[in-house]
Amino acid sequence: MPYELTPTRSPQVGVLFYRYKSYNRKRVGGIMNKTLLLKVSTILAALPALVFALYLIPLWLGITLEETGAMKTYLMVIFISMYLMLIPYLYSIVLTFKLLIHIEKGTYYTPISRKYLSHIGLSAYMVGTILFLDLPFVYGFANQEDAPGIILIFGFLMLLAFSIGLFAHVLKDLNEDKK
């Protein structure tokens, strides 16, 4: 039984109350709360991407189909690449969730964790590469719309994806050193 209800008397007030006592999780020492927070934030990171893919991109795609000329081409390539980026992004979110489960169990230094970290890094590199290949089309769109900030946003997202990939690679190397 992972939890037991134990009666405890408060020394200040003298009131009897019950407290949950955990047996199998006290060796971890607060890691459960941290991984729970990270699990919730991982789920919250996936929800906007799903809403974006299932609602906003099709909505924008309908508006884009009314455009003509080069603008339509730029936007279609950008939207297709957004869908392509969604696949490795959601895959890395799932792997992050599985990795948090391994951390929670105390089995972080295993070959499966190294595999998860490697795949998370590759997914981040894929997203960064897709963003890099998208930059000429973003430049064409930004040039026609006179919105140079879009180029900076895509460049920042590209650098962010590559830095996440590098961070996952460093964590994988640290995990291999702990074997």
Foldseek 3Di string as FASTA:
>chain_A
DQWDWDWDADPVPRDIDTDIDGDPQVVVPPLVVVLVVVLVVLVVVLVVLVCCLPPVLVVVLVVLVVDDDLLSVLSVLVSVLSVVLSVLVVVLSVLVNVLSVCVSVVNCLDVVNLVSLLSNLVSLLVNLVSLVVSLVSQVVNCVVVVNCVSSVVSVVSSVVSNVSSVVSVVVSVVSVVVD
